């Protein structure tokens, strides 16, 4: 369908309204709570050692994890397959952004569809 044939009332808004932003924030908060509930005690302890939250952009759900020390970064890095499996329960287009301590480099991202389904990850 060519958008030029639609009336302005039938077109989506050019930018998110305040109400849209509020709904996105509620979605992110609820997703955070539900995600945390799916995690076991060890994963919860790992997440507690970092700053983490969800962000929604367009149709992508992103789990951001910010590690402030080398030890928590190392532990979270080893838990990536488990975290991605849980994340995939919420969206097949989700991704995780892991931010190391500033002295260790730049953040990197991995999408849930990058994990294998063979049961080894």
C-alpha atoms as a PDB file:
ATOM      1  CA  UNK A   1       0.000   0.000   0.000  1.00  0.00           C
ATOM      2  CA  UNK A   2       1.364   3.377  -0.972  1.00  0.00           C
ATOM      3  CA  UNK A   3       1.307   5.770   2.021  1.00  0.00           C
ATOM      4  CA  UNK A   4       0.466   8.723  -0.228  1.00  0.00           C
ATOM      5  CA  UNK A   5      -3.077   7.339  -0.665  1.00  0.00           C
ATOM      6  CA  UNK A   6      -3.739   7.333   3.074  1.00  0.00           C
ATOM      7  CA  UNK A   7      -5.273  10.268   4.846  1.00  0.00           C
ATOM      8  CA  UNK A   8      -3.139  11.855   7.592  1.00  0.00           C
ATOM      9  CA  UNK A   9      -5.501  10.399  10.209  1.00  0.00           C
ATOM     10  CA  UNK A  10      -4.659   6.891   8.985  1.00  0.00           C
ATOM     11  CA  UNK A  11      -0.899   7.391   9.204  1.00  0.00           C
ATOM     12  CA  UNK A  12       1.122   6.570  12.344  1.00  0.00           C
ATOM     13  CA  UNK A  13       2.382   9.568  14.309  1.00  0.00           C
ATOM     14  CA  UNK A  14       5.721  11.012  13.206  1.00  0.00           C
ATOM     15  CA  UNK A  15       7.161  10.616  16.704  1.00  0.00           C
ATOM     16  CA  UNK A  16       6.172   8.936  19.939  1.00  0.00           C
ATOM     17  CA  UNK A  17       3.757  10.815  22.134  1.00  0.00           C
ATOM     18  CA  UNK A  18       4.182  11.200  25.873  1.00  0.00           C
ATOM     19  CA  UNK A  19       1.599   8.439  26.321  1.00  0.00           C
ATOM     20  CA  UNK A  20       3.578   6.151  23.975  1.00  0.00           C
ATOM     21  CA  UNK A  21       6.731   6.801  25.985  1.00  0.00           C
ATOM     22  CA  UNK A  22       4.896   5.990  29.209  1.00  0.00           C
ATOM     23  CA  UNK A  23       3.621   2.704  27.747  1.00  0.00           C
ATOM     24  CA  UNK A  24       7.122   1.767  26.550  1.00  0.00           C
ATOM     25  CA  UNK A  25       8.491   2.457  30.029  1.00  0.00           C
ATOM     26  CA  UNK A  26       5.803   0.284  31.629  1.00  0.00           C
ATOM     27  CA  UNK A  27       6.593  -2.478  29.141  1.00  0.00           C
ATOM     28  CA  UNK A  28      10.298  -2.277  29.987  1.00  0.00           C
ATOM     29  CA  UNK A  29       9.645  -2.361  33.747  1.00  0.00           C
ATOM     30  CA  UNK A  30       7.262  -5.308  33.487  1.00  0.00           C
ATOM     31  CA  UNK A  31       9.652  -7.182  31.216  1.00  0.00           C
ATOM     32  CA  UNK A  32      12.457  -6.604  33.739  1.00  0.00           C
ATOM     33  CA  UNK A  33      10.373  -8.062  36.555  1.00  0.00           C
ATOM     34  CA  UNK A  34       9.265 -11.079  34.526  1.00  0.00           C
ATOM     35  CA  UNK A  35      12.778 -11.722  33.211  1.00  0.00           C
ATOM     36  CA  UNK A  36      14.205 -11.622  36.745  1.00  0.00           C
ATOM     37  CA  UNK A  37      11.523 -14.094  37.868  1.00  0.00           C
ATOM     38  CA  UNK A  38      12.597 -16.582  35.169  1.00  0.00           C
ATOM     39  CA  UNK A  39      16.191 -16.540  36.438  1.00  0.00           C
ATOM     40  CA  UNK A  40      17.546 -18.951  39.015  1.00  0.00           C
ATOM     41  CA  UNK A  41      19.262 -17.830  42.223  1.00  0.00           C
ATOM     42  CA  UNK A  42      22.769 -17.846  40.727  1.00  0.00           C
ATOM     43  CA  UNK A  43      21.750 -15.739  37.737  1.00  0.00           C
ATOM     44  CA  UNK A  44      19.873 -13.350  40.015  1.00  0.00           C
ATOM     45  CA  UNK A  45      23.019 -12.924  42.109  1.00  0.00           C
ATOM     46  CA  UNK A  46      25.041 -12.226  38.957  1.00  0.00           C
ATOM     47  CA  UNK A  47      22.531  -9.631  37.775  1.00  0.00           C
ATOM     48  CA  UNK A  48      22.556  -8.024  41.223  1.00  0.00           C
ATOM     49  CA  UNK A  49      26.274  -7.350  40.862  1.00  0.00           C
ATOM     50  CA  UNK A  50      25.647  -5.220  37.756  1.00  0.00           C
ATOM     51  CA  UNK A  51      23.334  -2.490  36.536  1.00  0.00           C
ATOM     52  CA  UNK A  52      20.839  -3.977  34.086  1.00  0.00           C
ATOM     53  CA  UNK A  53      17.617  -2.932  32.412  1.00  0.00           C
ATOM     54  CA  UNK A  54      15.520  -3.429  29.291  1.00  0.00           C
ATOM     55  CA  UNK A  55      15.136  -1.009  26.438  1.00  0.00           C
ATOM     56  CA  UNK A  56      12.685  -1.179  23.537  1.00  0.00           C
ATOM     57  CA  UNK A  57      13.541   0.381  20.195  1.00  0.00           C
ATOM     58  CA  UNK A  58      11.110  -0.123  17.324  1.00  0.00           C
ATOM     59  CA  UNK A  59      10.505  -3.871  17.428  1.00  0.00           C
ATOM     60  CA  UNK A  60      13.699  -4.905  19.239  1.00  0.00           C
ATOM     61  CA  UNK A  61      13.896  -5.728  22.934  1.00  0.00           C
ATOM     62  CA  UNK A  62      17.389  -5.158  24.328  1.00  0.00           C
ATOM     63  CA  UNK A  63      18.753  -6.340  27.665  1.00  0.00           C
ATOM     64  CA  UNK A  64      21.533  -3.970  28.702  1.00  0.00           C
ATOM     65  CA  UNK A  65      23.986  -5.154  31.336  1.00  0.00           C
ATOM     66  CA  UNK A  66      26.612  -2.747  32.647  1.00  0.00           C
ATOM     67  CA  UNK A  67      29.425  -4.346  34.637  1.00  0.00           C
ATOM     68  CA  UNK A  68      31.479  -2.129  36.917  1.00  0.00           C
ATOM     69  CA  UNK A  69      34.230  -4.600  37.788  1.00  0.00           C
ATOM     70  CA  UNK A  70      36.198  -7.343  36.051  1.00  0.00           C
ATOM     71  CA  UNK A  71      34.852 -10.152  38.218  1.00  0.00           C
ATOM     72  CA  UNK A  72      31.173  -9.445  37.514  1.00  0.00           C
ATOM     73  CA  UNK A  73      31.963  -8.964  33.809  1.00  0.00           C
ATOM     74  CA  UNK A  74      33.689 -12.345  33.689  1.00  0.00           C
ATOM     75  CA  UNK A  75      30.799 -14.100  35.457  1.00  0.00           C
ATOM     76  CA  UNK A  76      28.160 -12.459  33.252  1.00  0.00           C
ATOM     77  CA  UNK A  77      30.189 -13.321  30.135  1.00  0.00           C
ATOM     78  CA  UNK A  78      30.138 -16.986  31.150  1.00  0.00           C
ATOM     79  CA  UNK A  79      26.373 -16.830  31.716  1.00  0.00           C
ATOM     80  CA  UNK A  80      25.552 -15.383  28.274  1.00  0.00           C
ATOM     81  CA  UNK A  81      24.074 -18.602  26.795  1.00  0.00           C
ATOM     82  CA  UNK A  82      21.754 -18.995  29.774  1.00  0.00           C
ATOM     83  CA  UNK A  83      20.735 -15.327  29.693  1.00  0.00           C
ATOM     84  CA  UNK A  84      20.010 -15.469  25.964  1.00  0.00           C
ATOM     85  CA  UNK A  85      17.835 -18.565  26.363  1.00  0.00           C
ATOM     86  CA  UNK A  86      15.738 -16.743  28.940  1.00  0.00           C
ATOM     87  CA  UNK A  87      15.668 -13.604  26.819  1.00  0.00           C
ATOM     88  CA  UNK A  88      14.382 -15.575  23.843  1.00  0.00           C
ATOM     89  CA  UNK A  89      11.284 -16.445  25.895  1.00  0.00           C
ATOM     90  CA  UNK A  90      10.303 -12.780  25.596  1.00  0.00           C
ATOM     91  CA  UNK A  91      11.146 -12.078  21.955  1.00  0.00           C
ATOM     92  CA  UNK A  92      12.731 -13.842  19.002  1.00  0.00           C
ATOM     93  CA  UNK A  93      14.220 -10.501  17.944  1.00  0.00           C
ATOM     94  CA  UNK A  94      15.751  -9.667  21.318  1.00  0.00           C
ATOM     95  CA  UNK A  95      19.407  -8.916  21.884  1.00  0.00           C
ATOM     96  CA  UNK A  96      21.746  -8.373  24.782  1.00  0.00           C
ATOM     97  CA  UNK A  97      24.288  -5.572  25.082  1.00  0.00           C
ATOM     98  CA  UNK A  98      27.090  -6.277  27.536  1.00  0.00           C
ATOM     99  CA  UNK A  99      29.106  -3.286  28.718  1.00  0.00           C
ATOM    100  CA  UNK A 100      32.443  -4.115  30.340  1.00  0.00           C
ATOM    101  CA  UNK A 101      34.221  -1.846  32.806  1.00  0.00           C
ATOM    102  CA  UNK A 102      35.558   1.157  30.901  1.00  0.00           C
ATOM    103  CA  UNK A 103      39.159  -0.056  31.084  1.00  0.00           C
ATOM    104  CA  UNK A 104      38.251  -3.345  29.369  1.00  0.00           C
ATOM    105  CA  UNK A 105      36.927  -2.073  26.087  1.00  0.00           C
ATOM    106  CA  UNK A 106      33.699  -1.292  24.337  1.00  0.00           C
ATOM    107  CA  UNK A 107      30.204  -2.777  24.709  1.00  0.00           C
ATOM    108  CA  UNK A 108      29.228  -5.641  22.451  1.00  0.00           C
ATOM    109  CA  UNK A 109      25.907  -7.107  21.379  1.00  0.00           C
ATOM    110  CA  UNK A 110      24.608 -10.574  20.679  1.00  0.00           C
ATOM    111  CA  UNK A 111      21.169 -11.463  19.347  1.00  0.00           C
ATOM    112  CA  UNK A 112      19.117 -14.375  20.630  1.00  0.00           C
ATOM    113  CA  UNK A 113      19.063 -15.919  17.164  1.00  0.00           C
ATOM    114  CA  UNK A 114      22.863 -16.241  17.346  1.00  0.00           C
ATOM    115  CA  UNK A 115      22.645 -19.024  19.930  1.00  0.00           C
ATOM    116  CA  UNK A 116      22.422 -22.622  18.815  1.00  0.00           C
ATOM    117  CA  UNK A 117      19.379 -24.774  19.464  1.00  0.00           C
ATOM    118  CA  UNK A 118      21.356 -27.985  19.986  1.00  0.00           C
ATOM    119  CA  UNK A 119      21.095 -27.833  23.772  1.00  0.00           C
ATOM    120  CA  UNK A 120      24.796 -27.117  24.289  1.00  0.00           C
ATOM    121  CA  UNK A 121      24.437 -23.408  24.944  1.00  0.00           C
END
